Amino acid sequence: MIDAIVDTSVLVDLLRGFEPAKDWFKSRGRQRIAITPVVWMETVQGAANKSRRAQAIRFLRRFPIEHPTEDDNRWAMRQLARFHLSHGIALHDAMIASVAARLVVPLFTTNLKHFEPLPGLDATRPY
């Protein structure tokens, strides 16, 4: 059972050793915090060189990956069509959010504006 989904913004803070992120993560205890394939890919893509990419991939291994379902894809498509022009919702954010919405678990992010208008989503700033 997954207790929460983490957005790329939180993972980047953890990778950079940002103390509030590290403290928050430690406070989660034994909760099962997962990522989506989009979060995995965004984190790897953000690496500046081969060494950082290898570091990111090693770091990502500690998180289970929760894959979107066909229904998640449909939900993300509806939200993108509804909120892209009015709120700037991006494809990758809709895909990440779709998994958290289906699981009815919090999506921890430092970019609340990317997720606020999405229905049925508990987007939470962790620190």
N, C-alpha and C. Protein backbone atom coordinates (compact mmCIF):
# COMPACT_ATOMS: atom_id res chain seq x y z
N MET A 1 0.84 -1.18 0.00
CA MET A 1 0.00 0.00 0.00
C MET A 1 0.88 1.25 0.00
N ILE A 2 0.55 2.18 -0.85
CA ILE A 2 1.27 3.44 -0.98
C ILE A 2 0.59 4.48 -0.10
N ASP A 3 1.39 5.25 0.65
CA ASP A 3 0.86 6.27 1.54
C ASP A 3 0.88 7.66 0.93
N ALA A 4 1.74 7.88 -0.07
CA ALA A 4 1.86 9.19 -0.69
C ALA A 4 2.65 9.08 -1.98
N ILE A 5 2.46 10.08 -2.83
CA ILE A 5 3.26 10.25 -4.05
C ILE A 5 4.09 11.52 -3.85
N VAL A 6 5.32 11.49 -4.32
CA VAL A 6 6.21 12.65 -4.21
C VAL A 6 6.47 13.20 -5.61
N ASP A 7 6.36 14.51 -5.72
CA ASP A 7 6.63 15.21 -6.97
C ASP A 7 8.14 15.42 -7.12
N THR A 8 8.54 15.71 -8.33
CA THR A 8 9.94 15.93 -8.66
C THR A 8 10.56 17.04 -7.82
N SER A 9 9.81 18.07 -7.53
CA SER A 9 10.36 19.20 -6.78
C SER A 9 10.90 18.77 -5.42
N VAL A 10 10.22 17.85 -4.77
CA VAL A 10 10.67 17.36 -3.46
C VAL A 10 11.91 16.49 -3.63
N LEU A 11 11.91 15.63 -4.65
CA LEU A 11 13.07 14.77 -4.88
C LEU A 11 14.32 15.59 -5.18
N VAL A 12 14.17 16.64 -5.94
CA VAL A 12 15.32 17.49 -6.26
C VAL A 12 15.88 18.11 -4.98
N ASP A 13 14.99 18.57 -4.11
CA ASP A 13 15.44 19.12 -2.83
C ASP A 13 16.18 18.07 -2.00
N LEU A 14 15.67 16.85 -2.00
CA LEU A 14 16.34 15.77 -1.26
C LEU A 14 17.70 15.46 -1.86
N LEU A 15 17.78 15.40 -3.17
CA LEU A 15 19.06 15.14 -3.84
C LEU A 15 20.08 16.23 -3.56
N ARG A 16 19.64 17.44 -3.44
CA ARG A 16 20.54 18.57 -3.17
C ARG A 16 20.89 18.70 -1.69
N GLY A 17 20.27 17.86 -0.86
CA GLY A 17 20.56 17.89 0.56
C GLY A 17 19.94 19.06 1.30
N PHE A 18 18.83 19.59 0.78
CA PHE A 18 18.13 20.71 1.40
C PHE A 18 17.58 20.25 2.76
N GLU A 19 18.06 20.88 3.84
CA GLU A 19 17.74 20.41 5.20
C GLU A 19 16.24 20.28 5.48
N PRO A 20 15.40 21.28 5.13
CA PRO A 20 13.97 21.09 5.39
C PRO A 20 13.40 19.85 4.69
N ALA A 21 13.87 19.55 3.50
CA ALA A 21 13.41 18.36 2.78
C ALA A 21 13.88 17.10 3.49
N LYS A 22 15.13 17.09 3.91
CA LYS A 22 15.67 15.93 4.62
C LYS A 22 14.92 15.69 5.94
N ASP A 23 14.67 16.77 6.68
CA ASP A 23 13.94 16.65 7.94
C ASP A 23 12.53 16.12 7.71
N TRP A 24 11.86 16.67 6.69
CA TRP A 24 10.50 16.21 6.38
C TRP A 24 10.52 14.72 6.02
N PHE A 25 11.45 14.33 5.17
CA PHE A 25 11.51 12.94 4.73
C PHE A 25 11.75 12.00 5.91
N LYS A 26 12.65 12.37 6.80
CA LYS A 26 12.91 11.55 7.99
C LYS A 26 11.66 11.45 8.86
N SER A 27 10.88 12.53 8.92
CA SER A 27 9.68 12.53 9.77
C SER A 27 8.59 11.61 9.24
N ARG A 28 8.69 11.19 8.00
CA ARG A 28 7.67 10.31 7.41
C ARG A 28 7.77 8.90 7.97
N GLY A 29 8.89 8.58 8.60
CA GLY A 29 9.04 7.27 9.23
C GLY A 29 8.91 6.13 8.25
N ARG A 30 8.00 5.22 8.54
CA ARG A 30 7.86 4.01 7.74
C ARG A 30 6.80 4.14 6.65
N GLN A 31 6.33 5.33 6.41
CA GLN A 31 5.35 5.51 5.34
C GLN A 31 5.97 5.11 4.00
N ARG A 32 5.14 4.51 3.16
CA ARG A 32 5.59 4.12 1.82
C ARG A 32 5.31 5.26 0.86
N ILE A 33 6.37 5.95 0.49
CA ILE A 33 6.26 7.08 -0.42
C ILE A 33 6.75 6.62 -1.78
N ALA A 34 5.90 6.80 -2.78
CA ALA A 34 6.20 6.32 -4.13
C ALA A 34 6.39 7.50 -5.08
N ILE A 35 6.91 7.17 -6.24
CA ILE A 35 7.04 8.12 -7.34
C ILE A 35 6.34 7.52 -8.56
N THR A 36 6.13 8.35 -9.55
CA THR A 36 5.56 7.88 -10.82
C THR A 36 6.68 7.81 -11.85
N PRO A 37 6.46 7.12 -12.96
CA PRO A 37 7.49 7.11 -14.00
C PRO A 37 7.86 8.51 -14.49
N VAL A 38 6.90 9.42 -14.53
CA VAL A 38 7.19 10.79 -14.97
C VAL A 38 8.16 11.45 -13.99
N VAL A 39 7.95 11.27 -12.70
CA VAL A 39 8.85 11.84 -11.69
C VAL A 39 10.24 11.24 -11.85
N TRP A 40 10.32 9.93 -12.06
CA TRP A 40 11.61 9.27 -12.27
C TRP A 40 12.33 9.90 -13.47
N MET A 41 11.60 10.03 -14.58
CA MET A 41 12.22 10.56 -15.80
C MET A 41 12.62 12.03 -15.65
N GLU A 42 11.78 12.85 -15.01
CA GLU A 42 12.13 14.25 -14.81
C GLU A 42 13.39 14.38 -13.95
N THR A 43 13.51 13.55 -12.94
CA THR A 43 14.67 13.60 -12.05
C THR A 43 15.94 13.21 -12.80
N VAL A 44 15.88 12.15 -13.57
CA VAL A 44 17.04 11.71 -14.35
C VAL A 44 17.38 12.75 -15.42
N GLN A 45 16.38 13.28 -16.08
CA GLN A 45 16.60 14.27 -17.14
C GLN A 45 17.26 15.53 -16.58
N GLY A 46 17.00 15.86 -15.33
CA GLY A 46 17.55 17.07 -14.73
C GLY A 46 19.02 16.97 -14.36
N ALA A 47 19.59 15.79 -14.45
CA ALA A 47 21.01 15.61 -14.09
C ALA A 47 21.90 16.34 -15.09
N ALA A 48 22.89 17.05 -14.58
CA ALA A 48 23.75 17.89 -15.42
C ALA A 48 24.86 17.10 -16.12
N ASN A 49 25.19 15.93 -15.62
CA ASN A 49 26.27 15.14 -16.22
C ASN A 49 26.09 13.67 -15.86
N LYS A 50 26.98 12.81 -16.36
CA LYS A 50 26.84 11.37 -16.14
C LYS A 50 26.93 10.99 -14.66
N SER A 51 27.80 11.65 -13.95
CA SER A 51 27.97 11.35 -12.53
C SER A 51 26.69 11.68 -11.75
N ARG A 52 26.13 12.85 -12.01
CA ARG A 52 24.88 13.24 -11.33
C ARG A 52 23.73 12.35 -11.75
N ARG A 53 23.73 11.94 -13.02
CA ARG A 53 22.68 11.03 -13.48
C ARG A 53 22.76 9.71 -12.73
N ALA A 54 23.95 9.16 -12.58
CA ALA A 54 24.13 7.91 -11.85
C ALA A 54 23.71 8.08 -10.39
N GLN A 55 24.05 9.21 -9.80
CA GLN A 55 23.66 9.50 -8.42
C GLN A 55 22.14 9.55 -8.30
N ALA A 56 21.49 10.21 -9.26
CA ALA A 56 20.02 10.31 -9.24
C ALA A 56 19.38 8.94 -9.37
N ILE A 57 19.88 8.12 -10.26
CA ILE A 57 19.30 6.79 -10.46
C ILE A 57 19.46 5.94 -9.20
N ARG A 58 20.62 6.00 -8.56
CA ARG A 58 20.82 5.27 -7.30
C ARG A 58 19.82 5.75 -6.24
N PHE A 59 19.67 7.06 -6.15
CA PHE A 59 18.75 7.65 -5.18
C PHE A 59 17.31 7.20 -5.44
N LEU A 60 16.90 7.18 -6.69
CA LEU A 60 15.53 6.84 -7.06
C LEU A 60 15.17 5.39 -6.74
N ARG A 61 16.16 4.54 -6.60
CA ARG A 61 15.90 3.12 -6.31
C ARG A 61 15.21 2.90 -4.98
N ARG A 62 15.30 3.88 -4.09
CA ARG A 62 14.67 3.70 -2.77
C ARG A 62 13.17 3.92 -2.80
N PHE A 63 12.65 4.38 -3.93
CA PHE A 63 11.21 4.67 -4.04
C PHE A 63 10.53 3.66 -4.93
N PRO A 64 9.40 3.08 -4.46
CA PRO A 64 8.61 2.26 -5.38
C PRO A 64 8.02 3.14 -6.48
N ILE A 65 7.85 2.57 -7.64
CA ILE A 65 7.26 3.30 -8.76
C ILE A 65 5.82 2.84 -8.93
N GLU A 66 4.91 3.80 -8.88
CA GLU A 66 3.49 3.51 -9.09
C GLU A 66 3.14 3.94 -10.51
N HIS A 67 2.83 2.97 -11.35
CA HIS A 67 2.55 3.25 -12.76
C HIS A 67 1.10 3.69 -12.95
N PRO A 68 0.90 4.62 -13.88
CA PRO A 68 -0.47 5.03 -14.17
C PRO A 68 -1.23 3.92 -14.88
N THR A 69 -2.52 3.89 -14.64
CA THR A 69 -3.40 2.94 -15.31
C THR A 69 -4.03 3.64 -16.52
N GLU A 70 -4.78 2.87 -17.28
CA GLU A 70 -5.49 3.46 -18.42
C GLU A 70 -6.47 4.53 -17.94
N ASP A 71 -7.14 4.27 -16.82
CA ASP A 71 -8.06 5.26 -16.26
C ASP A 71 -7.31 6.52 -15.80
N ASP A 72 -6.11 6.33 -15.25
CA ASP A 72 -5.29 7.49 -14.87
C ASP A 72 -4.99 8.35 -16.10
N ASN A 73 -4.66 7.70 -17.18
CA ASN A 73 -4.37 8.44 -18.42
C ASN A 73 -5.58 9.23 -18.88
N ARG A 74 -6.76 8.61 -18.82
CA ARG A 74 -7.97 9.32 -19.21
C ARG A 74 -8.24 10.52 -18.29
N TRP A 75 -8.06 10.31 -16.97
CA TRP A 75 -8.25 11.40 -16.00
C TRP A 75 -7.30 12.54 -16.33
N ALA A 76 -6.03 12.23 -16.58
CA ALA A 76 -5.03 13.26 -16.89
C ALA A 76 -5.40 14.00 -18.18
N MET A 77 -5.89 13.28 -19.16
CA MET A 77 -6.29 13.91 -20.43
C MET A 77 -7.44 14.90 -20.19
N ARG A 78 -8.41 14.50 -19.38
CA ARG A 78 -9.54 15.39 -19.08
C ARG A 78 -9.07 16.65 -18.36
N GLN A 79 -8.19 16.47 -17.39
CA GLN A 79 -7.71 17.62 -16.62
C GLN A 79 -6.86 18.55 -17.48
N LEU A 80 -6.06 17.99 -18.35
CA LEU A 80 -5.24 18.81 -19.24
C LEU A 80 -6.14 19.62 -20.17
N ALA A 81 -7.15 18.97 -20.74
CA ALA A 81 -8.07 19.69 -21.63
C ALA A 81 -8.82 20.78 -20.89
N ARG A 82 -9.16 20.53 -19.64
CA ARG A 82 -9.94 21.48 -18.85
C ARG A 82 -9.10 22.63 -18.30
N PHE A 83 -7.87 22.36 -17.86
CA PHE A 83 -7.11 23.35 -17.10
C PHE A 83 -5.82 23.86 -17.75
N HIS A 84 -5.46 23.35 -18.90
CA HIS A 84 -4.20 23.81 -19.50
C HIS A 84 -4.25 25.30 -19.84
N LEU A 85 -5.26 25.71 -20.55
CA LEU A 85 -5.32 27.11 -20.97
C LEU A 85 -5.65 28.05 -19.82
N SER A 86 -6.55 27.64 -18.95
CA SER A 86 -6.99 28.54 -17.87
C SER A 86 -6.00 28.62 -16.71
N HIS A 87 -5.29 27.51 -16.41
CA HIS A 87 -4.42 27.47 -15.24
C HIS A 87 -2.98 27.06 -15.55
N GLY A 88 -2.68 26.76 -16.80
CA GLY A 88 -1.33 26.38 -17.17
C GLY A 88 -0.91 24.99 -16.72
N ILE A 89 -1.89 24.13 -16.48
CA ILE A 89 -1.55 22.76 -16.08
C ILE A 89 -0.79 22.09 -17.22
N ALA A 90 0.33 21.47 -16.88
CA ALA A 90 1.18 20.83 -17.88
C ALA A 90 0.90 19.33 -17.93
N LEU A 91 1.21 18.75 -19.06
CA LEU A 91 0.99 17.32 -19.29
C LEU A 91 1.64 16.49 -18.19
N HIS A 92 2.91 16.74 -17.88
CA HIS A 92 3.60 15.92 -16.89
C HIS A 92 2.98 16.05 -15.50
N ASP A 93 2.50 17.22 -15.15
CA ASP A 93 1.86 17.40 -13.85
C ASP A 93 0.52 16.68 -13.78
N ALA A 94 -0.23 16.70 -14.87
CA ALA A 94 -1.50 15.97 -14.91
C ALA A 94 -1.27 14.47 -14.77
N MET A 95 -0.21 13.97 -15.38
CA MET A 95 0.11 12.54 -15.28
C MET A 95 0.52 12.16 -13.86
N ILE A 96 1.34 12.97 -13.23
CA ILE A 96 1.76 12.70 -11.85
C ILE A 96 0.53 12.72 -10.94
N ALA A 97 -0.28 13.75 -11.09
CA ALA A 97 -1.46 13.92 -10.23
C ALA A 97 -2.46 12.78 -10.40
N SER A 98 -2.56 12.24 -11.60
CA SER A 98 -3.56 11.20 -11.85
C SER A 98 -3.36 9.99 -10.94
N VAL A 99 -2.13 9.65 -10.68
CA VAL A 99 -1.84 8.48 -9.84
C VAL A 99 -2.23 8.76 -8.39
N ALA A 100 -1.86 9.92 -7.88
CA ALA A 100 -2.22 10.29 -6.51
C ALA A 100 -3.73 10.38 -6.34
N ALA A 101 -4.42 10.93 -7.34
CA ALA A 101 -5.88 11.05 -7.26
C ALA A 101 -6.52 9.66 -7.22
N ARG A 102 -6.03 8.74 -8.04
CA ARG A 102 -6.60 7.39 -8.05
C ARG A 102 -6.37 6.69 -6.71
N LEU A 103 -5.18 6.82 -6.16
CA LEU A 103 -4.85 6.15 -4.91
C LEU A 103 -5.44 6.84 -3.68
N VAL A 104 -5.94 8.08 -3.89
CA VAL A 104 -6.49 8.90 -2.81
C VAL A 104 -5.43 9.05 -1.71
N VAL A 105 -4.23 9.47 -2.13
CA VAL A 105 -3.13 9.75 -1.22
C VAL A 105 -2.61 11.15 -1.50
N PRO A 106 -1.92 11.74 -0.54
CA PRO A 106 -1.37 13.08 -0.79
C PRO A 106 -0.31 13.05 -1.88
N LEU A 107 -0.24 14.14 -2.61
CA LEU A 107 0.85 14.39 -3.55
C LEU A 107 1.68 15.50 -2.92
N PHE A 108 2.88 15.16 -2.48
CA PHE A 108 3.75 16.15 -1.86
C PHE A 108 4.55 16.86 -2.93
N THR A 109 4.45 18.21 -2.92
CA THR A 109 5.10 19.04 -3.92
C THR A 109 5.41 20.40 -3.32
N THR A 110 6.43 21.04 -3.86
CA THR A 110 6.68 22.43 -3.48
C THR A 110 6.08 23.39 -4.50
N ASN A 111 5.45 22.84 -5.51
CA ASN A 111 4.84 23.64 -6.58
C ASN A 111 3.32 23.47 -6.57
N LEU A 112 2.68 23.95 -5.53
CA LEU A 112 1.23 23.77 -5.40
C LEU A 112 0.45 24.34 -6.57
N LYS A 113 0.93 25.46 -7.14
CA LYS A 113 0.17 26.08 -8.23
C LYS A 113 0.05 25.15 -9.44
N HIS A 114 0.96 24.20 -9.57
CA HIS A 114 0.88 23.26 -10.69
C HIS A 114 -0.27 22.28 -10.54
N PHE A 115 -0.80 22.15 -9.31
CA PHE A 115 -1.78 21.11 -9.04
C PHE A 115 -3.09 21.59 -8.43
N GLU A 116 -3.14 22.83 -7.94
CA GLU A 116 -4.29 23.31 -7.18
C GLU A 116 -5.66 23.13 -7.83
N PRO A 117 -5.81 23.38 -9.12
CA PRO A 117 -7.17 23.27 -9.66
C PRO A 117 -7.65 21.84 -9.91
N LEU A 118 -6.80 20.86 -9.77
CA LEU A 118 -7.17 19.50 -10.14
C LEU A 118 -8.10 18.88 -9.11
N PRO A 119 -9.26 18.39 -9.56
CA PRO A 119 -10.27 17.85 -8.63
C PRO A 119 -9.84 16.50 -8.05
N GLY A 120 -10.22 16.29 -6.81
CA GLY A 120 -9.95 15.01 -6.17
C GLY A 120 -8.51 14.78 -5.82
N LEU A 121 -7.72 15.84 -5.76
CA LEU A 121 -6.30 15.71 -5.50
C LEU A 121 -5.93 16.43 -4.21
N ASP A 122 -5.20 15.76 -3.35
CA ASP A 122 -4.70 16.36 -2.12
C ASP A 122 -3.23 16.75 -2.34
N ALA A 123 -3.02 17.89 -2.98
CA ALA A 123 -1.64 18.39 -3.19
C ALA A 123 -1.24 19.15 -1.93
N THR A 124 -0.10 18.76 -1.37
CA THR A 124 0.33 19.29 -0.08
C THR A 124 1.79 19.72 -0.14
N ARG A 125 2.06 20.90 0.40
CA ARG A 125 3.45 21.37 0.51
C ARG A 125 4.04 20.75 1.77
N PRO A 126 5.11 19.97 1.65
CA PRO A 126 5.60 19.21 2.80
C PRO A 126 6.45 20.02 3.79
N TYR A 127 7.03 21.13 3.35
CA TYR A 127 7.90 21.93 4.23
C TYR A 127 7.93 23.35 3.73
